[in-house]
Protein backbone atom coordinates (compact mmCIF):
# COMPACT_ATOMS: atom_id res chain seq x y z
CA MET A 1 -1.69 -15.32 1.99
CA SER A 2 -4.88 -14.47 0.14
CA GLU A 3 -8.24 -14.99 1.79
CA ALA A 4 -10.07 -14.92 -1.54
CA SER A 5 -9.99 -18.68 -2.09
CA LYS A 6 -10.67 -19.58 1.52
CA LYS A 7 -14.01 -21.27 2.21
CA THR A 8 -15.76 -19.51 5.06
CA LEU A 9 -17.78 -21.17 7.82
CA SER A 10 -21.37 -20.20 8.54
CA ARG A 11 -22.77 -19.87 12.05
CA ARG A 12 -24.65 -23.10 11.44
CA GLU A 13 -21.40 -24.93 10.70
CA LEU A 14 -19.61 -23.30 13.61
CA SER A 15 -22.45 -24.12 16.01
CA ARG A 16 -21.56 -27.81 15.71
CA ASN A 17 -18.89 -26.96 18.24
CA PRO A 18 -20.54 -26.98 21.71
CA GLN A 19 -18.46 -23.97 22.81
CA PHE A 20 -19.54 -21.74 19.94
CA GLU A 21 -22.76 -20.32 21.44
CA GLN A 22 -20.87 -19.54 24.64
CA VAL A 23 -18.19 -17.43 22.95
CA SER A 24 -20.38 -15.93 20.19
CA PRO A 25 -23.94 -15.57 21.52
CA GLU A 26 -24.98 -13.18 18.72
CA VAL A 27 -23.99 -12.39 15.15
CA GLY A 28 -20.87 -10.23 15.09
CA GLU A 29 -20.04 -10.88 18.75
CA LEU A 30 -17.04 -12.54 20.39
CA ASP A 31 -17.06 -12.72 24.19
CA GLU A 32 -13.38 -12.59 25.21
CA SER A 33 -14.12 -13.46 28.83
CA ALA A 34 -15.93 -16.59 27.67
CA VAL A 35 -12.98 -17.41 25.45
CA ASP A 36 -10.63 -17.09 28.43
CA GLU A 37 -12.84 -19.36 30.54
CA ALA A 38 -13.05 -21.99 27.81
CA LEU A 39 -9.29 -21.75 27.32
CA GLU A 40 -8.79 -22.65 30.98
CA GLU A 41 -11.17 -25.62 30.77
CA ASP A 42 -9.93 -27.14 27.50
CA PRO A 43 -7.19 -25.15 25.75
CA ASP A 44 -6.95 -27.38 22.67
CA ALA A 45 -10.69 -27.27 22.02
CA MET A 46 -10.83 -23.49 22.41
CA LEU A 47 -7.78 -22.87 20.24
CA ALA A 48 -9.29 -25.15 17.57
CA LEU A 49 -12.55 -23.19 17.68
CA LEU A 50 -10.69 -19.87 17.53
CA ALA A 51 -8.82 -21.10 14.45
CA ASP A 52 -12.17 -21.87 12.79
CA LEU A 53 -13.62 -18.50 13.85
CA THR A 54 -10.91 -16.73 11.84
CA GLY A 55 -12.64 -18.24 8.80
CA ALA A 56 -16.20 -17.31 9.78
CA THR A 57 -18.62 -16.07 7.13
CA ASP A 58 -19.66 -13.39 9.63
CA GLN A 59 -17.12 -10.70 8.71
CA LYS A 60 -17.22 -8.86 12.05
CA LEU A 61 -16.80 -12.10 13.99
CA ARG A 62 -13.98 -13.12 11.66
CA GLU A 63 -12.07 -9.88 12.24
CA LEU A 64 -12.57 -10.04 16.01
CA ALA A 65 -11.31 -13.63 16.02
CA LYS A 66 -8.23 -12.73 13.98
CA ARG A 67 -7.28 -9.92 16.35
CA LEU A 68 -7.78 -12.15 19.38
CA ALA A 69 -6.00 -15.13 17.81
CA GLY A 70 -2.75 -13.22 17.32
CA ARG A 71 -2.60 -12.36 21.02
CA LEU A 72 -3.84 -15.67 22.44
CA PHE A 73 -1.62 -17.93 20.37
CA LEU A 74 1.40 -15.84 21.36
CA ASP A 75 0.37 -15.89 25.03
CA VAL A 76 0.03 -19.68 25.11
CA SER A 77 3.30 -20.14 23.21
CA ARG A 78 5.33 -18.28 25.85
CA ARG A 79 6.09 -21.23 28.07
CA GLY A 80 9.51 -22.25 29.28
CA PRO A 81 12.89 -20.52 29.08
CA VAL A 82 14.61 -19.62 25.85
CA THR A 83 18.32 -20.35 26.19
CA PRO A 84 20.75 -19.61 23.34
CA ARG A 85 23.05 -22.49 22.49
CA GLY A 86 26.09 -23.03 20.32
CA ILE A 87 29.77 -22.21 20.40
CA GLY A 88 30.43 -18.64 21.48
CA LYS A 89 33.19 -16.31 20.39
CA ILE A 90 35.22 -13.54 21.97
CA VAL A 91 33.97 -10.04 21.13
CA THR A 92 35.03 -6.52 22.16
CA ARG A 93 32.34 -4.40 23.81
CA PRO A 94 32.06 -1.03 25.59
CA TYR A 95 32.97 -1.27 29.27
CA SER A 96 30.36 -2.10 31.87
CA PRO A 97 30.83 -3.61 35.35
CA ASP A 98 31.25 -7.41 35.28
CA ALA A 99 31.01 -7.45 31.47
CA GLY A 100 34.41 -9.09 31.00
CA ASP A 101 38.16 -8.45 31.10
CA ILE A 102 39.60 -5.10 30.04
CA ASP A 103 40.87 -5.17 26.46
CA LEU A 104 44.18 -3.36 26.97
CA ASP A 105 44.92 -2.94 23.27
CA ALA A 106 41.54 -1.37 22.52
CA SER A 107 41.61 0.75 25.71
CA MET A 108 45.28 1.88 25.60
CA ASN A 109 44.67 5.37 24.20
CA THR A 110 42.16 6.15 26.95
CA ILE A 111 44.53 4.84 29.63
CA LEU A 112 47.53 6.81 28.32
CA GLU A 113 45.52 10.04 27.96
CA ALA A 114 44.30 9.78 31.55
CA HIS A 115 47.82 9.03 32.80
CA ALA A 116 49.30 12.00 30.93
CA ALA A 117 46.61 14.35 32.28
CA HIS A 118 46.92 12.92 35.81
CA GLN A 119 43.20 12.20 35.74
CA ALA A 120 41.06 9.21 36.51
CA ILE A 121 40.41 6.90 33.58
CA ASP A 122 37.12 7.61 31.84
CA PRO A 123 35.27 4.26 31.80
CA GLU A 124 33.37 5.28 28.65
CA GLY A 125 36.62 5.00 26.73
CA LEU A 126 37.39 1.49 27.94
CA LYS A 127 36.67 -1.76 26.11
CA VAL A 128 36.20 -5.26 27.47
CA ARG A 129 36.51 -8.70 25.90
CA SER A 130 33.89 -11.33 26.67
CA TRP A 131 32.18 -14.39 25.28
CA ALA A 132 29.13 -13.84 23.07
CA ARG A 133 26.66 -16.55 22.20
CA PRO A 134 25.71 -16.85 18.52
CA GLY A 135 22.14 -16.12 17.53
CA THR A 136 19.56 -18.73 16.58
CA ALA A 137 17.71 -18.84 13.26
CA ILE A 138 14.67 -21.09 12.74
CA SER A 139 12.81 -22.15 9.62
CA LEU A 140 9.41 -23.69 10.37
CA LEU A 141 7.90 -26.07 7.81
CA VAL A 142 4.13 -26.45 8.15
CA ASP A 143 2.49 -29.40 6.41
CA ARG A 144 -0.80 -28.31 4.85
CA SER A 145 -1.37 -31.45 2.77
CA GLY A 146 -4.13 -32.79 5.02
CA SER A 147 -7.05 -31.25 6.87
CA MET A 148 -6.36 -27.61 7.74
CA GLY A 149 -9.21 -26.69 10.03
CA GLY A 150 -9.84 -26.77 13.75
CA LYS A 151 -7.19 -28.59 15.75
CA PRO A 152 -4.61 -29.15 12.95
CA LEU A 153 -4.86 -25.52 11.89
CA ALA A 154 -4.56 -24.32 15.50
CA THR A 155 -1.50 -26.55 15.95
CA SER A 156 0.18 -24.98 12.92
CA ALA A 157 -0.60 -21.47 14.19
CA MET A 158 0.76 -22.37 17.63
CA ALA A 159 3.99 -23.61 16.07
CA ALA A 160 4.36 -20.31 14.20
CA ALA A 161 3.70 -18.39 17.43
CA ALA A 162 6.25 -20.43 19.39
CA VAL A 163 8.93 -19.98 16.73
CA ALA A 164 8.20 -16.25 16.44
CA TRP A 165 8.65 -15.85 20.18
CA ARG A 166 11.86 -17.89 20.34
CA SER A 167 13.61 -16.18 17.43
CA PRO A 168 11.63 -12.99 16.70
CA SER A 169 14.24 -11.34 14.48
CA ASP A 170 15.41 -14.39 12.54
CA TYR A 171 12.82 -16.94 11.47
CA SER A 172 10.86 -18.07 8.46
CA VAL A 173 7.61 -19.99 8.00
CA ILE A 174 7.07 -22.22 4.97
CA ALA A 175 3.78 -23.98 4.19
CA PHE A 176 3.98 -27.03 1.97
CA GLY A 177 1.56 -29.35 0.25
CA LYS A 178 1.68 -29.70 -3.51
CA ASP A 179 3.47 -26.33 -3.62
CA VAL A 180 5.97 -24.74 -1.26
CA VAL A 181 4.81 -21.30 -0.11
CA VAL A 182 6.86 -18.88 2.01
CA ALA A 183 4.50 -17.32 4.55
CA LYS A 184 7.35 -15.33 6.09
CA GLY A 185 10.85 -14.95 4.74
CA GLN A 186 13.90 -15.22 6.99
CA THR A 187 14.81 -11.55 6.71
CA SER A 188 11.38 -10.04 6.04
CA MET A 189 9.78 -7.70 8.57
CA LYS A 190 6.36 -8.98 9.60
CA SER A 191 4.55 -8.83 12.92
CA SER A 192 4.04 -12.09 14.80
CA GLU A 193 0.27 -11.53 14.78
CA GLU A 194 0.28 -11.14 10.99
CA VAL A 195 2.28 -14.34 10.56
CA ILE A 196 -0.11 -16.26 12.83
CA ASN A 197 -3.14 -15.03 10.91
CA ASP A 198 -1.49 -15.91 7.60
CA VAL A 199 -1.02 -19.47 8.88
CA LEU A 200 -4.64 -19.51 10.04
CA ALA A 201 -5.66 -18.62 6.47
CA LEU A 202 -4.04 -21.79 5.09
CA ARG A 203 -6.10 -24.48 3.41
CA GLY A 204 -5.15 -28.10 2.80
CA PHE A 205 -3.85 -29.58 -0.44
CA GLY A 206 -3.61 -33.28 -1.19
CA THR A 207 0.06 -34.01 -1.95
CA THR A 208 3.17 -33.48 0.19
CA ASP A 209 6.40 -32.09 -1.25
CA LEU A 210 8.60 -32.55 1.82
CA ALA A 211 11.87 -32.52 -0.13
CA GLY A 212 10.91 -29.20 -1.74
CA ALA A 213 10.03 -27.75 1.67
CA LEU A 214 13.40 -28.82 3.10
CA ARG A 215 15.20 -27.21 0.18
CA GLY A 216 13.15 -24.07 0.80
CA ALA A 217 14.27 -24.07 4.43
CA GLY A 218 17.89 -24.31 3.30
CA GLU A 219 17.40 -21.33 1.00
CA GLN A 220 15.85 -19.25 3.80
CA LEU A 221 18.50 -20.18 6.37
CA SER A 222 21.29 -19.34 3.92
CA ARG A 223 20.32 -15.69 4.41
CA THR A 224 21.12 -15.61 8.12
CA ARG A 225 24.38 -15.05 9.99
CA ALA A 226 23.15 -16.88 13.09
CA GLY A 227 25.47 -19.44 14.62
CA ARG A 228 22.68 -21.98 15.06
CA ARG A 229 20.34 -22.76 12.15
CA ILE A 230 17.38 -25.02 12.88
CA THR A 231 14.71 -26.46 10.61
CA VAL A 232 11.51 -27.43 12.44
CA ILE A 233 9.21 -29.81 10.56
CA LEU A 234 5.58 -29.93 11.71
CA SER A 235 4.36 -32.99 9.81
CA ASP A 236 3.79 -36.73 9.73
CA CYS A 237 6.62 -36.68 7.12
CA ARG A 238 4.63 -38.83 4.70
CA ALA A 239 6.02 -37.46 1.42
CA THR A 240 3.89 -38.08 -1.68
CA VAL A 241 5.83 -35.97 -4.19
CA ALA A 242 9.02 -37.38 -5.75
CA GLY A 243 12.21 -36.03 -4.22
CA ASP A 244 15.19 -37.09 -2.12
CA VAL A 245 13.94 -36.17 1.35
CA GLN A 246 16.94 -37.65 3.15
CA ALA A 247 19.46 -35.74 1.04
CA ALA A 248 17.53 -32.49 1.48
CA ALA A 249 17.40 -33.01 5.26
CA ARG A 250 21.07 -33.94 5.55
CA ALA A 251 22.02 -30.75 3.72
CA LEU A 252 20.63 -28.74 6.66
CA ASP A 253 22.56 -27.89 9.83
CA GLU A 254 19.99 -29.11 12.34
CA VAL A 255 16.58 -30.73 11.87
CA VAL A 256 13.88 -31.36 14.47
CA ILE A 257 10.45 -32.90 13.90
CA LEU A 258 7.10 -32.36 15.62
CA ALA A 259 4.83 -35.22 14.55
CA PRO A 260 1.21 -36.06 15.46
CA CYS A 261 0.87 -38.69 18.18
CA GLY A 262 -0.42 -41.95 16.75
CA ASP A 263 0.59 -41.01 13.21
CA ASP A 264 4.34 -40.63 13.57
CA ALA A 265 5.74 -43.83 12.01
CA GLU A 266 7.21 -42.16 8.91
CA ALA A 267 8.47 -39.24 10.98
CA GLN A 268 10.26 -41.61 13.37
CA VAL A 269 11.94 -43.37 10.45
CA LEU A 270 13.06 -40.08 8.89
CA ALA A 271 14.39 -38.85 12.24
CA TRP A 272 16.47 -42.02 12.57
CA GLN A 273 17.73 -41.79 8.99
CA VAL A 274 18.94 -38.19 9.19
CA GLY A 275 19.77 -37.87 12.90
CA ALA A 276 16.91 -35.50 13.70
CA ARG A 277 15.34 -35.10 17.13
CA ILE A 278 11.61 -35.76 17.31
CA ALA A 279 8.69 -35.16 19.65
CA CYS A 280 5.04 -36.18 19.32
CA ILE A 281 2.21 -33.73 19.84
CA ASP A 282 -1.48 -34.28 20.43
CA GLY A 283 -2.71 -30.72 19.98
CA PRO A 284 -1.75 -27.04 19.89
CA SER A 285 -1.09 -26.71 23.63
CA ASP A 286 1.60 -29.42 23.37
CA ILE A 287 3.72 -27.33 21.00
CA PRO A 288 5.62 -25.09 23.48
CA ALA A 289 6.92 -27.94 25.64
CA ALA A 290 7.61 -30.20 22.66
CA LEU A 291 9.57 -27.47 20.88
CA GLN A 292 11.55 -26.79 24.05
CA ALA A 293 12.36 -30.51 24.31
CA VAL A 294 13.59 -30.95 20.74
CA LEU A 295 15.57 -27.72 20.77
CA GLY A 296 17.33 -28.79 23.97
CA ASP A 297 16.50 -25.61 25.93
């Protein structure tokens, strides 16, 4: 994501937020203790301000905010258990206590050698058979067709953080408006902090190609071997670009929707049409619990 075309925010513009002077009393300064205090008082307001600070005209402040944002968004996203789901399969593994039943076929040579030598069986040569849960792959679709500053931008970054934590080795992030842009590919190696800051660099575009984004999710998820493949849509699902949204959604294994509270009518209709689960969110701090609810953890 290039920062070249991103409009920066001056201190005068940022100072419209009542918390700004508290967390950045001087040019080039960011008081992390003040950020932590504000986060306790009103997490959504502070996360929204932090999202805007990553676009500050003040270069030093901008860099400090970007470094802090990666950590804070990940910290807030780590709420609730992450439980793998799906149908498991029997696999053969090296022996360890309580790992499963001895696989006699795979362990027979070790057993016979010990018997012939009148020695105890070496456990390192034994194999066990046990159930293994399949992995989970997630493709996050972030709607950037509307306003992408403050609270909406922080909400998108929080969604990316939550997905990165839940499936750190197998996830993708796709931003969509008029165009569909892959911020992180399913198999690409990219730190969670870098992904979060790339999402924070997004800017809004007027139209919404939801069908194209869903097809993009299908392309990304086709690259995984995970047993569970989930597409997470963060959007009001109000498509304004021609395309068969329902067909694109039905072509995916599993679809869940996170829609803004009070503006979720189209998202509710789409969820009903394609059998998706849906939750409404009012701000970035709602994302962890809402994602846990729709994923069934």
